[in-house]
Amino acid sequence: MSLLVLAAVLAAAVLGLVAGAYARAVAAGFETQPGAQPGAQPGARPCGEPGGLRGEALPAFAAAARAVPLPRPPYVIEGATALAAALVTWRVHDGWVLAAWLYAVLAGAALAEIDRRTWRLPDAITLPSYPILLVLLAPSGRLLPAMASGCALGAVYAVLWFARPTGLGLGDVKLAGLIGLLTGALGVQATIVAGMAGQVLGALYAVGLLLARKATRTTEFPFGPFMLAGMLVALAFPDI
């Protein structure tokens, strides 16, 4: 690794700490759906409801904009965002694709924390991310393969949701399309690895819960963080 690349990676990690603090602040503004139970479909509430865009997301974004971007204990979100930003800067070399991936690091950090805590992947973040990524990827010359991969991975998750709606939510389907867009800009292989890695990581977590006797075979859990982790696995190990 050259000194220039090393400096860029270190700078990205530092900025990732700041971005992680903002992501944590945004995530703090989203609350669990009233009456929601484990296993309920995440992201099912439309933006027009009291907890939707007008009643929940805008205040959350406004509060995050006023927040002081300082990492706070236990530093999990900030640390994960810093590592993800460093990895993206190290592995992605095309400027426009890099910009898309760095945006995804910030949005993904917020989505992962929201899903972990509230069992939702809110439309207020996933849906605007589509035009943002499309605009960022368009100048790269990789928009068409990215769109094809996004449609393909989104379709796979749509089938999984239709087959077992209690195991996945529509928010997961929308997130899959975003992951397909990002990985598709790197190649079809990256999209395949991301999809498989997310499933494997989720399965390993489920097995761990079973071995620790903290869950049964029917226990559900938020799947968004594992999908996002699988995307990073595809970036780190594209040739798996």
C-alpha atoms as a PDB file:
ATOM      1  CA  MET A   1       0.000   0.000   0.000  1.00  0.00           C
ATOM      2  CA  SER A   2       1.472   3.353  -1.057  1.00  0.00           C
ATOM      3  CA  LEU A   3       1.791   6.248   1.369  1.00  0.00           C
ATOM      4  CA  LEU A   4      -0.891   8.168  -0.544  1.00  0.00           C
ATOM      5  CA  VAL A   5      -3.369   5.314  -0.277  1.00  0.00           C
ATOM      6  CA  LEU A   6      -2.498   4.796   3.385  1.00  0.00           C
ATOM      7  CA  ALA A   7      -3.106   8.488   4.099  1.00  0.00           C
ATOM      8  CA  ALA A   8      -6.464   8.326   2.289  1.00  0.00           C
ATOM      9  CA  VAL A   9      -7.485   5.231   4.261  1.00  0.00           C
ATOM     10  CA  LEU A  10      -6.525   6.835   7.578  1.00  0.00           C
ATOM     11  CA  ALA A  11      -8.390  10.033   6.661  1.00  0.00           C
ATOM     12  CA  ALA A  12     -11.451   7.981   5.741  1.00  0.00           C
ATOM     13  CA  ALA A  13     -11.302   6.203   9.097  1.00  0.00           C
ATOM     14  CA  VAL A  14     -11.209   9.505  10.971  1.00  0.00           C
ATOM     15  CA  LEU A  15     -14.096  10.886   8.943  1.00  0.00           C
ATOM     16  CA  GLY A  16     -15.872   7.581   9.534  1.00  0.00           C
ATOM     17  CA  LEU A  17     -15.760   8.211  13.276  1.00  0.00           C
ATOM     18  CA  VAL A  18     -17.515  11.539  12.731  1.00  0.00           C
ATOM     19  CA  ALA A  19     -19.989   9.985  10.286  1.00  0.00           C
ATOM     20  CA  GLY A  20     -20.699   7.218  12.798  1.00  0.00           C
ATOM     21  CA  ALA A  21     -21.558   9.801  15.436  1.00  0.00           C
ATOM     22  CA  TYR A  22     -24.051  11.403  13.060  1.00  0.00           C
ATOM     23  CA  ALA A  23     -25.458   7.983  12.117  1.00  0.00           C
ATOM     24  CA  ARG A  24     -25.984   7.197  15.800  1.00  0.00           C
ATOM     25  CA  ALA A  25     -27.739  10.539  16.286  1.00  0.00           C
ATOM     26  CA  VAL A  26     -30.046   9.898  13.323  1.00  0.00           C
ATOM     27  CA  ALA A  27     -30.832   6.365  14.503  1.00  0.00           C
ATOM     28  CA  ALA A  28     -31.736   7.650  17.961  1.00  0.00           C
ATOM     29  CA  GLY A  29     -34.684   9.529  16.469  1.00  0.00           C
ATOM     30  CA  PHE A  30     -36.412   6.370  15.220  1.00  0.00           C
ATOM     31  CA  GLU A  31     -38.526   4.412  17.663  1.00  0.00           C
ATOM     32  CA  THR A  32     -40.056   0.944  17.681  1.00  0.00           C
ATOM     33  CA  GLN A  33     -43.512   0.751  16.137  1.00  0.00           C
ATOM     34  CA  PRO A  34     -46.278   0.863  18.748  1.00  0.00           C
ATOM     35  CA  GLY A  35     -47.254  -2.700  19.535  1.00  0.00           C
ATOM     36  CA  ALA A  36     -44.521  -4.218  17.380  1.00  0.00           C
ATOM     37  CA  GLN A  37     -43.336  -7.655  18.439  1.00  0.00           C
ATOM     38  CA  PRO A  38     -40.200  -9.602  17.561  1.00  0.00           C
ATOM     39  CA  GLY A  39     -40.768 -11.255  14.216  1.00  0.00           C
ATOM     40  CA  ALA A  40     -42.963  -8.449  12.891  1.00  0.00           C
ATOM     41  CA  GLN A  41     -42.130  -7.175   9.434  1.00  0.00           C
ATOM     42  CA  PRO A  42     -39.625  -4.326   9.628  1.00  0.00           C
ATOM     43  CA  GLY A  43     -40.274  -1.244   7.541  1.00  0.00           C
ATOM     44  CA  ALA A  44     -43.973  -1.982   7.163  1.00  0.00           C
ATOM     45  CA  ARG A  45     -45.199   1.390   8.379  1.00  0.00           C
ATOM     46  CA  PRO A  46     -45.711   3.900   5.559  1.00  0.00           C
ATOM     47  CA  CYS A  47     -44.176   7.335   5.735  1.00  0.00           C
ATOM     48  CA  GLY A  48     -47.561   9.026   6.058  1.00  0.00           C
ATOM     49  CA  GLU A  49     -48.294   7.516   9.465  1.00  0.00           C
ATOM     50  CA  PRO A  50     -47.460   9.341  12.716  1.00  0.00           C
ATOM     51  CA  GLY A  51     -44.085   7.585  12.928  1.00  0.00           C
ATOM     52  CA  GLY A  52     -43.290   8.135   9.272  1.00  0.00           C
ATOM     53  CA  LEU A  53     -41.370  10.778   7.372  1.00  0.00           C
ATOM     54  CA  ARG A  54     -43.193  13.840   8.650  1.00  0.00           C
ATOM     55  CA  GLY A  55     -43.700  12.662  12.223  1.00  0.00           C
ATOM     56  CA  GLU A  56     -40.427  10.837  12.827  1.00  0.00           C
ATOM     57  CA  ALA A  57     -37.712  11.105  10.196  1.00  0.00           C
ATOM     58  CA  LEU A  58     -37.517  14.874   9.781  1.00  0.00           C
ATOM     59  CA  PRO A  59     -37.154  15.503  13.540  1.00  0.00           C
ATOM     60  CA  ALA A  60     -34.543  12.738  13.661  1.00  0.00           C
ATOM     61  CA  PHE A  61     -32.510  14.339  10.861  1.00  0.00           C
ATOM     62  CA  ALA A  62     -32.891  17.789  12.401  1.00  0.00           C
ATOM     63  CA  ALA A  63     -31.705  16.545  15.793  1.00  0.00           C
ATOM     64  CA  ALA A  64     -28.724  14.825  14.169  1.00  0.00           C
ATOM     65  CA  ALA A  65     -27.781  18.038  12.346  1.00  0.00           C
ATOM     66  CA  ARG A  66     -27.665  19.850  15.697  1.00  0.00           C
ATOM     67  CA  ALA A  67     -25.689  17.082  17.401  1.00  0.00           C
ATOM     68  CA  VAL A  68     -21.994  17.409  18.227  1.00  0.00           C
ATOM     69  CA  PRO A  69     -20.240  14.721  16.138  1.00  0.00           C
ATOM     70  CA  LEU A  70     -18.244  13.161  18.965  1.00  0.00           C
ATOM     71  CA  PRO A  71     -17.952   9.379  19.434  1.00  0.00           C
ATOM     72  CA  ARG A  72     -19.600   8.116  22.628  1.00  0.00           C
ATOM     73  CA  PRO A  73     -19.304   4.868  24.572  1.00  0.00           C
ATOM     74  CA  PRO A  74     -19.526   2.031  23.717  1.00  0.00           C
ATOM     75  CA  TYR A  75     -18.201   3.383  20.364  1.00  0.00           C
ATOM     76  CA  VAL A  76     -19.620   0.427  18.408  1.00  0.00           C
ATOM     77  CA  ILE A  77     -21.377   2.429  15.684  1.00  0.00           C
ATOM     78  CA  GLU A  78     -18.525   4.907  15.342  1.00  0.00           C
ATOM     79  CA  GLY A  79     -15.891   2.165  15.232  1.00  0.00           C
ATOM     80  CA  ALA A  80     -17.800   0.074  12.700  1.00  0.00           C
ATOM     81  CA  THR A  81     -18.387   3.112  10.485  1.00  0.00           C
ATOM     82  CA  ALA A  82     -14.702   4.059  10.641  1.00  0.00           C
ATOM     83  CA  LEU A  83     -13.624   0.527   9.663  1.00  0.00           C
ATOM     84  CA  ALA A  84     -16.171   0.406   6.841  1.00  0.00           C
ATOM     85  CA  ALA A  85     -15.066   3.789   5.482  1.00  0.00           C
ATOM     86  CA  ALA A  86     -11.415   2.704   5.604  1.00  0.00           C
ATOM     87  CA  LEU A  87     -12.208  -0.579   3.830  1.00  0.00           C
ATOM     88  CA  VAL A  88     -14.202   1.177   1.111  1.00  0.00           C
ATOM     89  CA  THR A  89     -11.440   3.720   0.508  1.00  0.00           C
ATOM     90  CA  TRP A  90      -8.863   0.940   0.297  1.00  0.00           C
ATOM     91  CA  ARG A  91     -10.796  -1.332  -2.073  1.00  0.00           C
ATOM     92  CA  VAL A  92     -12.717   1.073  -4.373  1.00  0.00           C
ATOM     93  CA  HIS A  93     -10.631   3.132  -6.758  1.00  0.00           C
ATOM     94  CA  ASP A  94     -13.150   4.714  -9.150  1.00  0.00           C
ATOM     95  CA  GLY A  95     -14.020   8.163  -7.798  1.00  0.00           C
ATOM     96  CA  TRP A  96     -17.778   8.077  -8.449  1.00  0.00           C
ATOM     97  CA  VAL A  97     -18.168   4.497  -7.257  1.00  0.00           C
ATOM     98  CA  LEU A  98     -16.176   5.410  -4.152  1.00  0.00           C
ATOM     99  CA  ALA A  99     -18.527   8.340  -3.494  1.00  0.00           C
ATOM    100  CA  ALA A 100     -21.528   6.001  -3.763  1.00  0.00           C
ATOM    101  CA  TRP A 101     -19.981   3.503  -1.370  1.00  0.00           C
ATOM    102  CA  LEU A 102     -19.018   6.191   1.159  1.00  0.00           C
ATOM    103  CA  TYR A 103     -22.590   7.470   1.120  1.00  0.00           C
ATOM    104  CA  ALA A 104     -23.711   3.884   1.692  1.00  0.00           C
ATOM    105  CA  VAL A 105     -21.396   3.618   4.710  1.00  0.00           C
ATOM    106  CA  LEU A 106     -23.176   6.527   6.401  1.00  0.00           C
ATOM    107  CA  ALA A 107     -26.687   5.416   5.437  1.00  0.00           C
ATOM    108  CA  GLY A 108     -25.892   1.789   6.236  1.00  0.00           C
ATOM    109  CA  ALA A 109     -24.591   2.616   9.698  1.00  0.00           C
ATOM    110  CA  ALA A 110     -27.838   4.411  10.503  1.00  0.00           C
ATOM    111  CA  LEU A 111     -29.978   1.630   9.009  1.00  0.00           C
ATOM    112  CA  ALA A 112     -28.105  -1.115  10.858  1.00  0.00           C
ATOM    113  CA  GLU A 113     -28.567   0.608  14.216  1.00  0.00           C
ATOM    114  CA  ILE A 114     -32.221   1.428  13.550  1.00  0.00           C
ATOM    115  CA  ASP A 115     -32.968  -2.148  12.507  1.00  0.00           C
ATOM    116  CA  ARG A 116     -31.091  -3.596  15.480  1.00  0.00           C
ATOM    117  CA  ARG A 117     -33.024  -1.464  17.918  1.00  0.00           C
ATOM    118  CA  THR A 118     -36.448  -1.064  16.333  1.00  0.00           C
ATOM    119  CA  TRP A 119     -36.792  -3.994  13.883  1.00  0.00           C
ATOM    120  CA  ARG A 120     -37.352  -1.545  11.016  1.00  0.00           C
ATOM    121  CA  LEU A 121     -35.554  -0.293   7.923  1.00  0.00           C
ATOM    122  CA  PRO A 122     -37.374   3.013   7.397  1.00  0.00           C
ATOM    123  CA  ASP A 123     -38.397   4.167   3.929  1.00  0.00           C
ATOM    124  CA  ALA A 124     -37.186   7.645   4.869  1.00  0.00           C
ATOM    125  CA  ILE A 125     -33.622   6.375   4.406  1.00  0.00           C
ATOM    126  CA  THR A 126     -33.892   3.465   1.963  1.00  0.00           C
ATOM    127  CA  LEU A 127     -36.075   5.077  -0.705  1.00  0.00           C
ATOM    128  CA  PRO A 128     -34.133   8.376  -1.128  1.00  0.00           C
ATOM    129  CA  SER A 129     -30.944   6.306  -1.297  1.00  0.00           C
ATOM    130  CA  TYR A 130     -32.000   4.916  -4.687  1.00  0.00           C
ATOM    131  CA  PRO A 131     -31.865   8.218  -6.627  1.00  0.00           C
ATOM    132  CA  ILE A 132     -28.763   9.292  -4.687  1.00  0.00           C
ATOM    133  CA  LEU A 133     -26.870   6.147  -5.664  1.00  0.00           C
ATOM    134  CA  LEU A 134     -28.110   6.278  -9.246  1.00  0.00           C
ATOM    135  CA  VAL A 135     -26.865   9.868  -9.618  1.00  0.00           C
ATOM    136  CA  LEU A 136     -23.483   9.003  -8.077  1.00  0.00           C
ATOM    137  CA  LEU A 137     -23.006   5.874 -10.167  1.00  0.00           C
ATOM    138  CA  ALA A 138     -24.146   7.359 -13.488  1.00  0.00           C
ATOM    139  CA  PRO A 139     -20.830   9.121 -14.345  1.00  0.00           C
ATOM    140  CA  SER A 140     -18.853   5.956 -13.560  1.00  0.00           C
ATOM    141  CA  GLY A 141     -20.066   4.150 -16.669  1.00  0.00           C
ATOM    142  CA  ARG A 142     -21.223   1.221 -14.522  1.00  0.00           C
ATOM    143  CA  LEU A 143     -24.817   2.251 -14.044  1.00  0.00           C
ATOM    144  CA  LEU A 144     -26.394  -0.439 -16.245  1.00  0.00           C
ATOM    145  CA  PRO A 145     -24.685  -3.436 -14.588  1.00  0.00           C
ATOM    146  CA  ALA A 146     -25.354  -1.852 -11.202  1.00  0.00           C
ATOM    147  CA  MET A 147     -29.065  -1.504 -11.992  1.00  0.00           C
ATOM    148  CA  ALA A 148     -29.239  -5.062 -13.310  1.00  0.00           C
ATOM    149  CA  SER A 149     -27.650  -6.416 -10.135  1.00  0.00           C
ATOM    150  CA  GLY A 150     -29.895  -4.251  -7.975  1.00  0.00           C
ATOM    151  CA  CYS A 151     -33.003  -5.563  -9.698  1.00  0.00           C
ATOM    152  CA  ALA A 152     -31.740  -9.160  -9.489  1.00  0.00           C
ATOM    153  CA  LEU A 153     -30.860  -9.113  -5.778  1.00  0.00           C
ATOM    154  CA  GLY A 154     -34.026  -7.199  -4.955  1.00  0.00           C
ATOM    155  CA  ALA A 155     -36.068  -9.795  -6.862  1.00  0.00           C
ATOM    156  CA  VAL A 156     -34.412 -12.653  -4.963  1.00  0.00           C
ATOM    157  CA  TYR A 157     -35.276 -11.068  -1.640  1.00  0.00           C
ATOM    158  CA  ALA A 158     -38.793 -10.295  -2.851  1.00  0.00           C
ATOM    159  CA  VAL A 159     -39.281 -14.008  -3.537  1.00  0.00           C
ATOM    160  CA  LEU A 160     -37.886 -14.865  -0.087  1.00  0.00           C
ATOM    161  CA  TRP A 161     -40.219 -12.324   1.511  1.00  0.00           C
ATOM    162  CA  PHE A 162     -43.213 -13.686  -0.392  1.00  0.00           C
ATOM    163  CA  ALA A 163     -42.333 -17.243   0.653  1.00  0.00           C
ATOM    164  CA  ARG A 164     -41.817 -16.371   4.321  1.00  0.00           C
ATOM    165  CA  PRO A 165     -43.022 -12.848   5.199  1.00  0.00           C
ATOM    166  CA  THR A 166     -42.455 -13.409   8.922  1.00  0.00           C
ATOM    167  CA  GLY A 167     -38.742 -14.006   8.316  1.00  0.00           C
ATOM    168  CA  LEU A 168     -38.072 -10.963   6.127  1.00  0.00           C
ATOM    169  CA  GLY A 169     -39.698  -7.575   5.800  1.00  0.00           C
ATOM    170  CA  LEU A 170     -40.248  -5.312   2.820  1.00  0.00           C
ATOM    171  CA  GLY A 171     -37.512  -3.119   4.265  1.00  0.00           C
ATOM    172  CA  ASP A 172     -35.082  -5.973   3.697  1.00  0.00           C
ATOM    173  CA  VAL A 173     -36.222  -6.219   0.072  1.00  0.00           C
ATOM    174  CA  LYS A 174     -35.595  -2.509  -0.478  1.00  0.00           C
ATOM    175  CA  LEU A 175     -32.204  -2.766   1.209  1.00  0.00           C
ATOM    176  CA  ALA A 176     -31.298  -5.712  -1.041  1.00  0.00           C
ATOM    177  CA  GLY A 177     -31.872  -3.548  -4.109  1.00  0.00           C
ATOM    178  CA  LEU A 178     -29.474  -0.933  -2.744  1.00  0.00           C
ATOM    179  CA  ILE A 179     -26.854  -3.564  -1.973  1.00  0.00           C
ATOM    180  CA  GLY A 180     -27.241  -4.932  -5.485  1.00  0.00           C
ATOM    181  CA  LEU A 181     -26.691  -1.465  -6.954  1.00  0.00           C
ATOM    182  CA  LEU A 182     -23.475  -0.936  -5.015  1.00  0.00           C
ATOM    183  CA  THR A 183     -21.979  -4.369  -5.534  1.00  0.00           C
ATOM    184  CA  GLY A 184     -23.123  -4.505  -9.148  1.00  0.00           C
ATOM    185  CA  ALA A 185     -20.893  -1.506  -9.850  1.00  0.00           C
ATOM    186  CA  LEU A 186     -17.982  -3.758  -8.882  1.00  0.00           C
ATOM    187  CA  GLY A 187     -19.134  -6.831 -10.792  1.00  0.00           C
ATOM    188  CA  VAL A 188     -21.676  -9.629 -10.723  1.00  0.00           C
ATOM    189  CA  GLN A 189     -19.403 -11.754  -8.539  1.00  0.00           C
ATOM    190  CA  ALA A 190     -19.485  -9.116  -5.801  1.00  0.00           C
ATOM    191  CA  THR A 191     -23.296  -9.139  -5.818  1.00  0.00           C
ATOM    192  CA  ILE A 192     -23.399 -12.926  -5.522  1.00  0.00           C
ATOM    193  CA  VAL A 193     -20.883 -12.893  -2.656  1.00  0.00           C
ATOM    194  CA  ALA A 194     -22.811 -10.136  -0.849  1.00  0.00           C
ATOM    195  CA  GLY A 195     -26.090 -12.022  -1.092  1.00  0.00           C
ATOM    196  CA  MET A 196     -24.605 -15.303   0.087  1.00  0.00           C
ATOM    197  CA  ALA A 197     -22.469 -13.742   2.824  1.00  0.00           C
ATOM    198  CA  GLY A 198     -25.467 -11.979   4.347  1.00  0.00           C
ATOM    199  CA  GLN A 199     -27.367 -15.242   4.535  1.00  0.00           C
ATOM    200  CA  VAL A 200     -24.380 -17.121   5.996  1.00  0.00           C
ATOM    201  CA  LEU A 201     -23.713 -14.470   8.644  1.00  0.00           C
ATOM    202  CA  GLY A 202     -27.377 -14.448   9.648  1.00  0.00           C
ATOM    203  CA  ALA A 203     -27.377 -18.248   9.864  1.00  0.00           C
ATOM    204  CA  LEU A 204     -24.232 -18.276  12.018  1.00  0.00           C
ATOM    205  CA  TYR A 205     -25.830 -15.752  14.364  1.00  0.00           C
ATOM    206  CA  ALA A 206     -28.950 -17.910  14.619  1.00  0.00           C
ATOM    207  CA  VAL A 207     -26.851 -20.990  15.382  1.00  0.00           C
ATOM    208  CA  GLY A 208     -25.005 -19.039  18.060  1.00  0.00           C
ATOM    209  CA  LEU A 209     -28.297 -18.064  19.680  1.00  0.00           C
ATOM    210  CA  LEU A 210     -29.440 -21.689  19.608  1.00  0.00           C
ATOM    211  CA  LEU A 211     -26.214 -22.965  21.143  1.00  0.00           C
ATOM    212  CA  ALA A 212     -26.435 -20.312  23.850  1.00  0.00           C
ATOM    213  CA  ARG A 213     -30.071 -21.321  24.427  1.00  0.00           C
ATOM    214  CA  LYS A 214     -31.198 -17.748  23.881  1.00  0.00           C
ATOM    215  CA  ALA A 215     -33.508 -18.626  20.997  1.00  0.00           C
ATOM    216  CA  THR A 216     -35.522 -21.385  19.378  1.00  0.00           C
ATOM    217  CA  ARG A 217     -35.744 -22.483  15.751  1.00  0.00           C
ATOM    218  CA  THR A 218     -38.671 -20.115  15.219  1.00  0.00           C
ATOM    219  CA  THR A 219     -37.018 -17.051  16.776  1.00  0.00           C
ATOM    220  CA  GLU A 220     -36.719 -14.100  14.399  1.00  0.00           C
ATOM    221  CA  PHE A 221     -34.187 -11.268  14.519  1.00  0.00           C
ATOM    222  CA  PRO A 222     -33.392  -8.123  12.508  1.00  0.00           C
ATOM    223  CA  PHE A 223     -31.637  -9.170   9.318  1.00  0.00           C
ATOM    224  CA  GLY A 224     -30.559  -5.799   7.917  1.00  0.00           C
ATOM    225  CA  PRO A 225     -27.223  -5.639   9.801  1.00  0.00           C
ATOM    226  CA  PHE A 226     -26.208  -9.024   8.399  1.00  0.00           C
ATOM    227  CA  MET A 227     -27.117  -7.970   4.857  1.00  0.00           C
ATOM    228  CA  LEU A 228     -24.943  -4.880   5.231  1.00  0.00           C
ATOM    229  CA  ALA A 229     -22.107  -6.914   6.728  1.00  0.00           C
ATOM    230  CA  GLY A 230     -22.355  -9.296   3.774  1.00  0.00           C
ATOM    231  CA  MET A 231     -21.936  -6.327   1.444  1.00  0.00           C
ATOM    232  CA  LEU A 232     -18.657  -5.441   3.183  1.00  0.00           C
ATOM    233  CA  VAL A 233     -17.526  -9.068   2.969  1.00  0.00           C
ATOM    234  CA  ALA A 234     -18.049  -8.894  -0.796  1.00  0.00           C
ATOM    235  CA  LEU A 235     -15.933  -5.756  -0.912  1.00  0.00           C
ATOM    236  CA  ALA A 236     -13.121  -7.223   1.198  1.00  0.00           C
ATOM    237  CA  PHE A 237     -13.124 -10.667  -0.456  1.00  0.00           C
ATOM    238  CA  PRO A 238     -14.533 -10.226  -3.983  1.00  0.00           C
ATOM    239  CA  ASP A 239     -13.066 -13.504  -5.241  1.00  0.00           C
ATOM    240  CA  ILE A 240     -14.632 -15.856  -2.682  1.00  0.00           C
END
